[in-house]
Amino acid sequence: DERCAVLRTGRAMATASDESEIQEVFRLFDQDGSGAKIKEIGTIMRSLGLGTSEAQVQEFMSEASQKDKNFVQFADFLAFVKRAETNETDHPVDVAKEMHGMKLGILHFFEKLNPTQIRESPPSTVKISDLKHLLAAVGEKMSEEEIEEMAREIRNTCKVTDGRVDFSDFVNMIST
């Protein structure tokens, strides 16, 4: 089916040009309305599926810190996303890198792991329910039926334990 094919090519998360979707992901990191932490700009960008370079993330963090030491507001973040998307159209999509960004977003938001925990001892698995929620809510949204079909494929194709899928198996599944 077309949406599974879109996900397999990495395009479901690759473009975040719909402002409401960008705002939805931003709010996951700005739960009290004070803005998202500047140090999380890269994580948020990767959660949107943007293959933003570390140099560009550092540039965005530097610009954001000129306005506020700790937080970036949505309007500024949106401008950064638009710049990153413009830059990204000049470069091919790196599915593995985008999927890694998706995993970081899942671990941060759903698993409530902080960046240090993720960096020092990243789990190799994610909850299938978290993947399903993400696929229903962000990027090219999938229908409940499509999500259930994908979940069945995950259970049949990937290493699954206690409702958690080995993330590298998931990436391999959608890459083939």
N, C-alpha and C. Protein backbone atom coordinates (compact mmCIF):
# COMPACT_ATOMS: atom_id res chain seq x y z
N ASP A 1 0.83 -1.18 0.00
CA ASP A 1 0.00 0.00 0.00
C ASP A 1 0.88 1.25 0.00
N GLU A 2 0.34 2.33 -0.49
CA GLU A 2 1.13 3.54 -0.73
C GLU A 2 1.74 4.12 0.53
N ARG A 3 0.99 4.17 1.63
CA ARG A 3 1.53 4.77 2.85
C ARG A 3 2.65 3.93 3.44
N CYS A 4 2.52 2.62 3.39
CA CYS A 4 3.61 1.75 3.87
C CYS A 4 4.83 1.96 2.99
N ALA A 5 4.60 2.11 1.69
CA ALA A 5 5.72 2.36 0.77
C ALA A 5 6.36 3.70 1.09
N VAL A 6 5.54 4.70 1.39
CA VAL A 6 6.06 6.02 1.75
C VAL A 6 6.91 5.90 3.00
N LEU A 7 6.41 5.18 4.00
CA LEU A 7 7.17 5.01 5.23
C LEU A 7 8.47 4.26 4.95
N ARG A 8 8.39 3.23 4.13
CA ARG A 8 9.58 2.44 3.82
C ARG A 8 10.67 3.28 3.17
N THR A 9 10.29 4.27 2.39
CA THR A 9 11.30 5.10 1.74
C THR A 9 11.80 6.20 2.66
N GLY A 10 11.20 6.32 3.83
CA GLY A 10 11.64 7.35 4.77
C GLY A 10 10.97 8.68 4.55
N ARG A 11 10.09 8.76 3.60
CA ARG A 11 9.46 10.04 3.29
C ARG A 11 8.32 10.42 4.23
N ALA A 12 7.81 9.48 5.00
CA ALA A 12 6.72 9.82 5.91
C ALA A 12 7.19 10.84 6.94
N MET A 13 8.42 10.70 7.40
CA MET A 13 8.93 11.61 8.41
C MET A 13 9.85 12.68 7.80
N ALA A 14 10.16 12.55 6.53
CA ALA A 14 11.19 13.40 5.94
C ALA A 14 10.75 14.84 5.73
N THR A 15 9.47 15.07 5.51
CA THR A 15 9.04 16.44 5.31
C THR A 15 8.08 16.83 6.41
N ALA A 16 8.35 17.93 7.02
CA ALA A 16 7.52 18.40 8.12
C ALA A 16 6.92 19.74 7.75
N SER A 17 6.63 19.95 6.46
CA SER A 17 6.23 21.26 5.99
C SER A 17 4.86 21.70 6.46
N ASP A 18 4.05 20.81 7.02
CA ASP A 18 2.75 21.20 7.55
C ASP A 18 2.97 21.82 8.93
N GLU A 19 2.69 23.12 9.03
CA GLU A 19 2.98 23.85 10.26
C GLU A 19 2.29 23.25 11.48
N SER A 20 1.08 22.74 11.32
CA SER A 20 0.37 22.17 12.48
C SER A 20 1.09 20.92 12.99
N GLU A 21 1.66 20.13 12.08
CA GLU A 21 2.42 18.95 12.50
C GLU A 21 3.70 19.35 13.20
N ILE A 22 4.35 20.38 12.70
CA ILE A 22 5.58 20.87 13.33
C ILE A 22 5.25 21.34 14.75
N GLN A 23 4.15 22.09 14.85
CA GLN A 23 3.75 22.60 16.16
C GLN A 23 3.39 21.46 17.12
N GLU A 24 2.75 20.43 16.60
CA GLU A 24 2.37 19.28 17.43
C GLU A 24 3.62 18.63 18.04
N VAL A 25 4.64 18.42 17.22
CA VAL A 25 5.88 17.82 17.72
C VAL A 25 6.58 18.79 18.68
N PHE A 26 6.60 20.09 18.33
CA PHE A 26 7.24 21.09 19.18
C PHE A 26 6.61 21.08 20.58
N ARG A 27 5.28 20.98 20.63
CA ARG A 27 4.57 20.99 21.93
C ARG A 27 4.96 19.80 22.81
N LEU A 28 5.39 18.69 22.19
CA LEU A 28 5.83 17.55 22.99
C LEU A 28 7.04 17.93 23.84
N PHE A 29 7.81 18.90 23.35
CA PHE A 29 9.01 19.34 24.06
C PHE A 29 8.78 20.65 24.82
N ASP A 30 7.61 21.26 24.63
CA ASP A 30 7.25 22.52 25.28
C ASP A 30 5.94 22.32 26.02
N GLN A 31 5.97 21.50 27.02
CA GLN A 31 4.72 21.11 27.67
C GLN A 31 4.13 22.19 28.57
N ASP A 32 4.95 23.16 29.01
CA ASP A 32 4.39 24.20 29.89
C ASP A 32 4.24 25.54 29.18
N GLY A 33 4.55 25.59 27.88
CA GLY A 33 4.34 26.82 27.12
C GLY A 33 5.47 27.83 27.22
N SER A 34 6.56 27.49 27.91
CA SER A 34 7.67 28.44 28.05
C SER A 34 8.65 28.35 26.88
N GLY A 35 8.43 27.40 25.99
CA GLY A 35 9.33 27.17 24.87
C GLY A 35 10.03 25.83 25.07
N ALA A 36 10.68 25.39 24.02
CA ALA A 36 11.45 24.15 24.11
C ALA A 36 12.88 24.51 24.51
N LYS A 37 13.52 23.61 25.21
CA LYS A 37 14.91 23.86 25.60
C LYS A 37 15.77 23.97 24.35
N ILE A 38 16.63 24.96 24.33
CA ILE A 38 17.51 25.19 23.19
C ILE A 38 18.34 23.94 22.89
N LYS A 39 18.80 23.26 23.94
CA LYS A 39 19.65 22.09 23.72
C LYS A 39 18.89 20.94 23.05
N GLU A 40 17.56 21.04 22.95
CA GLU A 40 16.76 19.99 22.33
C GLU A 40 16.36 20.30 20.88
N ILE A 41 16.84 21.41 20.33
CA ILE A 41 16.49 21.77 18.95
C ILE A 41 16.81 20.63 17.99
N GLY A 42 17.98 20.05 18.12
CA GLY A 42 18.38 18.95 17.23
C GLY A 42 17.48 17.74 17.38
N THR A 43 17.15 17.40 18.62
CA THR A 43 16.27 16.25 18.88
C THR A 43 14.89 16.48 18.26
N ILE A 44 14.38 17.69 18.40
CA ILE A 44 13.06 18.00 17.83
C ILE A 44 13.12 17.93 16.31
N MET A 45 14.17 18.48 15.73
CA MET A 45 14.32 18.44 14.27
C MET A 45 14.37 16.99 13.79
N ARG A 46 15.15 16.16 14.47
CA ARG A 46 15.25 14.76 14.08
C ARG A 46 13.92 14.03 14.30
N SER A 47 13.17 14.44 15.33
CA SER A 47 11.85 13.85 15.55
C SER A 47 10.91 14.16 14.40
N LEU A 48 11.14 15.28 13.75
CA LEU A 48 10.35 15.66 12.57
C LEU A 48 10.86 14.93 11.32
N GLY A 49 11.98 14.23 11.47
CA GLY A 49 12.53 13.50 10.34
C GLY A 49 13.49 14.32 9.50
N LEU A 50 13.89 15.47 10.01
CA LEU A 50 14.82 16.31 9.26
C LEU A 50 16.24 15.84 9.51
N GLY A 51 16.99 15.68 8.45
CA GLY A 51 18.38 15.25 8.55
C GLY A 51 19.30 16.44 8.72
N THR A 52 19.01 17.27 9.71
CA THR A 52 19.78 18.48 9.95
C THR A 52 21.18 18.15 10.43
N SER A 53 22.18 18.78 9.81
CA SER A 53 23.57 18.52 10.21
C SER A 53 23.81 19.08 11.61
N GLU A 54 24.81 18.53 12.27
CA GLU A 54 25.17 19.00 13.61
C GLU A 54 25.61 20.46 13.55
N ALA A 55 26.30 20.84 12.48
CA ALA A 55 26.74 22.23 12.32
C ALA A 55 25.53 23.17 12.24
N GLN A 56 24.51 22.74 11.49
CA GLN A 56 23.32 23.59 11.36
C GLN A 56 22.56 23.66 12.69
N VAL A 57 22.49 22.54 13.40
CA VAL A 57 21.83 22.54 14.72
C VAL A 57 22.56 23.51 15.65
N GLN A 58 23.89 23.47 15.64
CA GLN A 58 24.68 24.38 16.48
C GLN A 58 24.40 25.84 16.11
N GLU A 59 24.28 26.10 14.81
CA GLU A 59 23.96 27.46 14.34
C GLU A 59 22.60 27.90 14.87
N PHE A 60 21.59 27.01 14.78
CA PHE A 60 20.26 27.34 15.28
C PHE A 60 20.28 27.57 16.79
N MET A 61 21.03 26.74 17.52
CA MET A 61 21.12 26.88 18.97
C MET A 61 21.77 28.21 19.33
N SER A 62 22.78 28.59 18.59
CA SER A 62 23.47 29.86 18.84
C SER A 62 22.52 31.03 18.59
N GLU A 63 21.79 30.98 17.48
CA GLU A 63 20.83 32.05 17.18
C GLU A 63 19.74 32.14 18.24
N ALA A 64 19.22 30.98 18.65
CA ALA A 64 18.14 30.96 19.65
C ALA A 64 18.62 31.51 20.98
N SER A 65 19.86 31.20 21.36
CA SER A 65 20.37 31.64 22.66
C SER A 65 20.62 33.15 22.70
N GLN A 66 20.63 33.80 21.54
CA GLN A 66 20.76 35.26 21.52
C GLN A 66 19.47 35.93 21.99
N LYS A 67 18.34 35.24 21.84
CA LYS A 67 17.06 35.79 22.29
C LYS A 67 16.73 35.37 23.71
N ASP A 68 17.06 34.13 24.06
CA ASP A 68 16.76 33.58 25.38
C ASP A 68 17.83 32.54 25.67
N LYS A 69 18.36 32.56 26.87
CA LYS A 69 19.46 31.67 27.22
C LYS A 69 19.09 30.19 27.20
N ASN A 70 17.82 29.89 27.56
CA ASN A 70 17.44 28.50 27.76
C ASN A 70 16.39 27.95 26.81
N PHE A 71 15.49 28.82 26.30
CA PHE A 71 14.35 28.32 25.54
C PHE A 71 14.23 28.95 24.17
N VAL A 72 13.68 28.16 23.23
CA VAL A 72 13.38 28.65 21.89
C VAL A 72 11.85 28.63 21.75
N GLN A 73 11.31 29.70 21.18
CA GLN A 73 9.86 29.79 20.97
C GLN A 73 9.50 29.17 19.62
N PHE A 74 8.23 28.81 19.49
CA PHE A 74 7.80 28.11 18.29
C PHE A 74 8.08 28.90 17.02
N ALA A 75 7.81 30.20 16.99
CA ALA A 75 8.01 31.00 15.76
C ALA A 75 9.46 30.91 15.28
N ASP A 76 10.39 30.99 16.21
CA ASP A 76 11.81 30.90 15.84
C ASP A 76 12.14 29.48 15.38
N PHE A 77 11.62 28.49 16.10
CA PHE A 77 11.86 27.11 15.72
C PHE A 77 11.32 26.82 14.33
N LEU A 78 10.13 27.33 14.04
CA LEU A 78 9.52 27.13 12.72
C LEU A 78 10.43 27.71 11.63
N ALA A 79 11.00 28.87 11.88
CA ALA A 79 11.93 29.47 10.91
C ALA A 79 13.16 28.56 10.71
N PHE A 80 13.64 27.96 11.79
CA PHE A 80 14.77 27.04 11.69
C PHE A 80 14.38 25.82 10.85
N VAL A 81 13.18 25.29 11.07
CA VAL A 81 12.71 24.13 10.31
C VAL A 81 12.66 24.46 8.83
N LYS A 82 12.11 25.62 8.49
CA LYS A 82 12.01 26.01 7.07
C LYS A 82 13.41 26.10 6.45
N ARG A 83 14.36 26.66 7.19
CA ARG A 83 15.73 26.73 6.69
C ARG A 83 16.33 25.34 6.52
N ALA A 84 16.08 24.47 7.49
CA ALA A 84 16.61 23.10 7.42
C ALA A 84 15.99 22.35 6.25
N GLU A 85 14.69 22.55 6.01
CA GLU A 85 14.03 21.88 4.89
C GLU A 85 14.60 22.36 3.56
N THR A 86 14.86 23.65 3.46
CA THR A 86 15.44 24.21 2.24
C THR A 86 16.80 23.59 1.99
N ASN A 87 17.60 23.48 3.04
CA ASN A 87 18.92 22.86 2.95
C ASN A 87 18.80 21.37 2.60
N GLU A 88 17.78 20.71 3.16
CA GLU A 88 17.62 19.27 2.97
C GLU A 88 17.25 18.92 1.53
N THR A 89 16.54 19.79 0.83
CA THR A 89 16.15 19.48 -0.55
C THR A 89 17.37 19.35 -1.45
N ASP A 90 18.49 19.91 -1.02
CA ASP A 90 19.73 19.81 -1.79
C ASP A 90 20.47 18.50 -1.53
N HIS A 91 20.01 17.72 -0.53
CA HIS A 91 20.71 16.50 -0.14
C HIS A 91 19.74 15.32 -0.16
N PRO A 92 20.20 14.14 -0.56
CA PRO A 92 19.32 12.97 -0.57
C PRO A 92 18.93 12.53 0.85
N VAL A 93 17.81 11.82 0.97
CA VAL A 93 17.31 11.35 2.25
C VAL A 93 18.16 10.19 2.76
N ASP A 94 18.57 10.27 4.01
CA ASP A 94 19.31 9.19 4.66
C ASP A 94 18.33 8.51 5.62
N VAL A 95 17.72 7.41 5.16
CA VAL A 95 16.66 6.73 5.92
C VAL A 95 17.16 6.32 7.30
N ALA A 96 18.33 5.73 7.38
CA ALA A 96 18.85 5.26 8.67
C ALA A 96 18.99 6.42 9.65
N LYS A 97 19.50 7.54 9.16
CA LYS A 97 19.68 8.71 10.02
C LYS A 97 18.33 9.26 10.48
N GLU A 98 17.37 9.31 9.57
CA GLU A 98 16.04 9.81 9.92
C GLU A 98 15.36 8.89 10.93
N MET A 99 15.51 7.60 10.74
CA MET A 99 14.90 6.65 11.66
C MET A 99 15.57 6.73 13.03
N HIS A 100 16.88 7.01 13.05
CA HIS A 100 17.58 7.20 14.33
C HIS A 100 16.98 8.41 15.05
N GLY A 101 16.70 9.47 14.28
CA GLY A 101 16.07 10.66 14.87
C GLY A 101 14.70 10.34 15.43
N MET A 102 13.95 9.51 14.71
CA MET A 102 12.63 9.10 15.18
C MET A 102 12.77 8.32 16.49
N LYS A 103 13.77 7.45 16.56
CA LYS A 103 14.01 6.66 17.78
C LYS A 103 14.35 7.59 18.94
N LEU A 104 15.20 8.59 18.70
CA LEU A 104 15.56 9.53 19.76
C LEU A 104 14.32 10.25 20.29
N GLY A 105 13.44 10.66 19.36
CA GLY A 105 12.21 11.32 19.77
C GLY A 105 11.32 10.42 20.60
N ILE A 106 11.21 9.16 20.21
CA ILE A 106 10.40 8.20 20.97
C ILE A 106 10.99 7.99 22.37
N LEU A 107 12.30 7.80 22.44
CA LEU A 107 12.94 7.56 23.73
C LEU A 107 12.80 8.77 24.65
N HIS A 108 12.91 9.96 24.07
CA HIS A 108 12.82 11.18 24.87
C HIS A 108 11.40 11.42 25.35
N PHE A 109 10.45 11.40 24.42
CA PHE A 109 9.10 11.76 24.79
C PHE A 109 8.32 10.64 25.45
N PHE A 110 8.28 9.47 24.83
CA PHE A 110 7.47 8.37 25.35
C PHE A 110 8.13 7.65 26.52
N GLU A 111 9.43 7.43 26.41
CA GLU A 111 10.15 6.70 27.46
C GLU A 111 10.63 7.62 28.58
N LYS A 112 10.53 8.93 28.35
CA LYS A 112 10.94 9.94 29.34
C LYS A 112 12.42 9.83 29.71
N LEU A 113 13.25 9.44 28.73
CA LEU A 113 14.68 9.37 28.98
C LEU A 113 15.30 10.73 28.66
N ASN A 114 16.25 11.15 29.47
CA ASN A 114 16.90 12.42 29.19
C ASN A 114 18.04 12.18 28.19
N PRO A 115 18.54 13.26 27.56
CA PRO A 115 19.58 13.09 26.53
C PRO A 115 20.81 12.31 27.01
N THR A 116 21.20 12.49 28.29
CA THR A 116 22.35 11.77 28.81
C THR A 116 22.07 10.27 28.86
N GLN A 117 20.88 9.88 29.34
CA GLN A 117 20.52 8.46 29.38
C GLN A 117 20.51 7.86 27.98
N ILE A 118 19.96 8.61 27.03
CA ILE A 118 19.88 8.12 25.65
C ILE A 118 21.28 7.95 25.07
N ARG A 119 22.14 8.93 25.33
CA ARG A 119 23.50 8.90 24.78
C ARG A 119 24.34 7.79 25.43
N GLU A 120 24.24 7.63 26.76
CA GLU A 120 25.10 6.70 27.48
C GLU A 120 24.64 5.25 27.42
N SER A 121 23.33 5.01 27.42
CA SER A 121 22.85 3.62 27.37
C SER A 121 21.52 3.55 26.63
N PRO A 122 21.57 3.79 25.32
CA PRO A 122 20.32 3.79 24.55
C PRO A 122 19.71 2.39 24.45
N PRO A 123 18.42 2.28 24.77
CA PRO A 123 17.78 0.98 24.61
C PRO A 123 17.75 0.60 23.12
N SER A 124 17.83 -0.68 22.82
CA SER A 124 17.79 -1.10 21.42
C SER A 124 16.36 -1.33 20.95
N THR A 125 15.41 -1.28 21.89
CA THR A 125 14.02 -1.53 21.52
C THR A 125 13.14 -0.32 21.83
N VAL A 126 11.99 -0.27 21.15
CA VAL A 126 10.96 0.73 21.44
C VAL A 126 9.63 0.00 21.50
N LYS A 127 8.67 0.60 22.19
CA LYS A 127 7.35 0.00 22.29
C LYS A 127 6.64 0.10 20.95
N ILE A 128 6.02 -0.99 20.55
CA ILE A 128 5.23 -0.97 19.31
C ILE A 128 4.10 0.06 19.45
N SER A 129 3.52 0.17 20.64
CA SER A 129 2.43 1.13 20.85
C SER A 129 2.92 2.57 20.63
N ASP A 130 4.17 2.87 21.00
CA ASP A 130 4.72 4.21 20.76
C ASP A 130 4.90 4.47 19.27
N LEU A 131 5.39 3.46 18.55
CA LEU A 131 5.52 3.58 17.09
C LEU A 131 4.16 3.83 16.46
N LYS A 132 3.16 3.07 16.90
CA LYS A 132 1.81 3.21 16.36
C LYS A 132 1.28 4.62 16.60
N HIS A 133 1.49 5.13 17.82
CA HIS A 133 1.02 6.49 18.13
C HIS A 133 1.70 7.51 17.23
N LEU A 134 3.00 7.38 17.07
CA LEU A 134 3.75 8.31 16.24
C LEU A 134 3.29 8.26 14.78
N LEU A 135 3.08 7.06 14.27
CA LEU A 135 2.64 6.91 12.88
C LEU A 135 1.25 7.47 12.65
N ALA A 136 0.43 7.47 13.70
CA ALA A 136 -0.93 8.00 13.59
C ALA A 136 -0.96 9.52 13.71
N ALA A 137 0.05 10.10 14.36
CA ALA A 137 -0.03 11.51 14.72
C ALA A 137 0.89 12.44 13.94
N VAL A 138 1.99 11.95 13.42
CA VAL A 138 3.01 12.84 12.86
C VAL A 138 3.37 12.42 11.45
N GLY A 139 3.80 13.39 10.66
CA GLY A 139 4.22 13.10 9.29
C GLY A 139 3.02 12.79 8.42
N GLU A 140 3.18 11.88 7.49
CA GLU A 140 2.07 11.47 6.65
C GLU A 140 1.26 10.47 7.47
N LYS A 141 0.18 10.97 8.06
CA LYS A 141 -0.60 10.16 9.00
C LYS A 141 -1.14 8.90 8.32
N MET A 142 -1.08 7.81 9.06
CA MET A 142 -1.57 6.54 8.57
C MET A 142 -2.92 6.25 9.24
N SER A 143 -3.80 5.56 8.54
CA SER A 143 -5.10 5.19 9.11
C SER A 143 -4.89 4.10 10.15
N GLU A 144 -5.89 3.88 10.99
CA GLU A 144 -5.82 2.83 12.01
C GLU A 144 -5.57 1.47 11.36
N GLU A 145 -6.24 1.22 10.23
CA GLU A 145 -6.07 -0.04 9.52
C GLU A 145 -4.64 -0.21 9.02
N GLU A 146 -4.08 0.86 8.45
CA GLU A 146 -2.70 0.81 7.95
C GLU A 146 -1.71 0.59 9.09
N ILE A 147 -2.00 1.23 10.23
CA ILE A 147 -1.12 1.08 11.39
C ILE A 147 -1.17 -0.35 11.92
N GLU A 148 -2.36 -0.92 11.99
CA GLU A 148 -2.50 -2.29 12.46
C GLU A 148 -1.80 -3.26 11.50
N GLU A 149 -1.90 -2.98 10.20
CA GLU A 149 -1.21 -3.80 9.21
C GLU A 149 0.30 -3.73 9.42
N MET A 150 0.80 -2.53 9.66
CA MET A 150 2.23 -2.33 9.92
C MET A 150 2.62 -3.06 11.20
N ALA A 151 1.79 -2.98 12.25
CA ALA A 151 2.09 -3.65 13.52
C ALA A 151 2.16 -5.17 13.32
N ARG A 152 1.24 -5.72 12.52
CA ARG A 152 1.29 -7.16 12.23
C ARG A 152 2.59 -7.51 11.50
N GLU A 153 2.97 -6.67 10.54
CA GLU A 153 4.21 -6.91 9.80
C GLU A 153 5.41 -6.85 10.75
N ILE A 154 5.38 -5.90 11.68
CA ILE A 154 6.46 -5.79 12.67
C ILE A 154 6.54 -7.08 13.49
N ARG A 155 5.39 -7.55 13.98
CA ARG A 155 5.38 -8.77 14.81
C ARG A 155 5.84 -10.00 14.02
N ASN A 156 5.54 -10.03 12.72
CA ASN A 156 5.91 -11.19 11.90
C ASN A 156 7.35 -11.13 11.39
N THR A 157 7.91 -9.94 11.27
CA THR A 157 9.21 -9.76 10.63
C THR A 157 10.34 -9.45 11.61
N CYS A 158 10.03 -8.74 12.68
CA CYS A 158 11.06 -8.23 13.58
C CYS A 158 11.12 -9.01 14.89
N LYS A 159 12.24 -8.84 15.57
CA LYS A 159 12.38 -9.42 16.91
C LYS A 159 11.54 -8.58 17.87
N VAL A 160 10.53 -9.22 18.49
CA VAL A 160 9.62 -8.52 19.40
C VAL A 160 9.62 -9.25 20.74
N THR A 161 9.77 -8.49 21.83
CA THR A 161 9.73 -9.04 23.18
C THR A 161 8.90 -8.11 24.06
N ASP A 162 7.89 -8.67 24.71
CA ASP A 162 7.05 -7.90 25.63
C ASP A 162 6.51 -6.61 25.00
N GLY A 163 6.06 -6.70 23.75
CA GLY A 163 5.47 -5.54 23.08
C GLY A 163 6.48 -4.50 22.62
N ARG A 164 7.77 -4.85 22.66
CA ARG A 164 8.83 -3.93 22.22
C ARG A 164 9.53 -4.54 21.02
N VAL A 165 9.80 -3.69 20.03
CA VAL A 165 10.46 -4.16 18.81
C VAL A 165 11.91 -3.68 18.81
N ASP A 166 12.78 -4.55 18.33
CA ASP A 166 14.16 -4.15 18.13
C ASP A 166 14.16 -3.10 17.03
N PHE A 167 14.63 -1.89 17.36
CA PHE A 167 14.49 -0.78 16.42
C PHE A 167 15.27 -0.99 15.13
N SER A 168 16.44 -1.61 15.20
CA SER A 168 17.20 -1.85 13.97
C SER A 168 16.46 -2.84 13.07
N ASP A 169 15.74 -3.81 13.65
CA ASP A 169 14.91 -4.70 12.83
C ASP A 169 13.80 -3.92 12.14
N PHE A 170 13.19 -2.99 12.88
CA PHE A 170 12.13 -2.16 12.31
C PHE A 170 12.67 -1.35 11.12
N VAL A 171 13.84 -0.72 11.32
CA VAL A 171 14.44 0.07 10.24
C VAL A 171 14.75 -0.81 9.04
N ASN A 172 15.29 -2.01 9.27
CA ASN A 172 15.56 -2.95 8.17
C ASN A 172 14.28 -3.32 7.45
N MET A 173 13.20 -3.54 8.21
CA MET A 173 11.92 -3.92 7.62
C MET A 173 11.40 -2.84 6.66
N ILE A 174 11.45 -1.59 7.11
CA ILE A 174 10.89 -0.53 6.27
C ILE A 174 11.85 -0.11 5.15
N SER A 175 13.10 -0.52 5.28
CA SER A 175 14.07 -0.17 4.24
C SER A 175 14.07 -1.15 3.06
N THR A 176 13.45 -2.31 3.25
CA THR A 176 13.46 -3.32 2.17
C THR A 176 12.19 -3.29 1.37
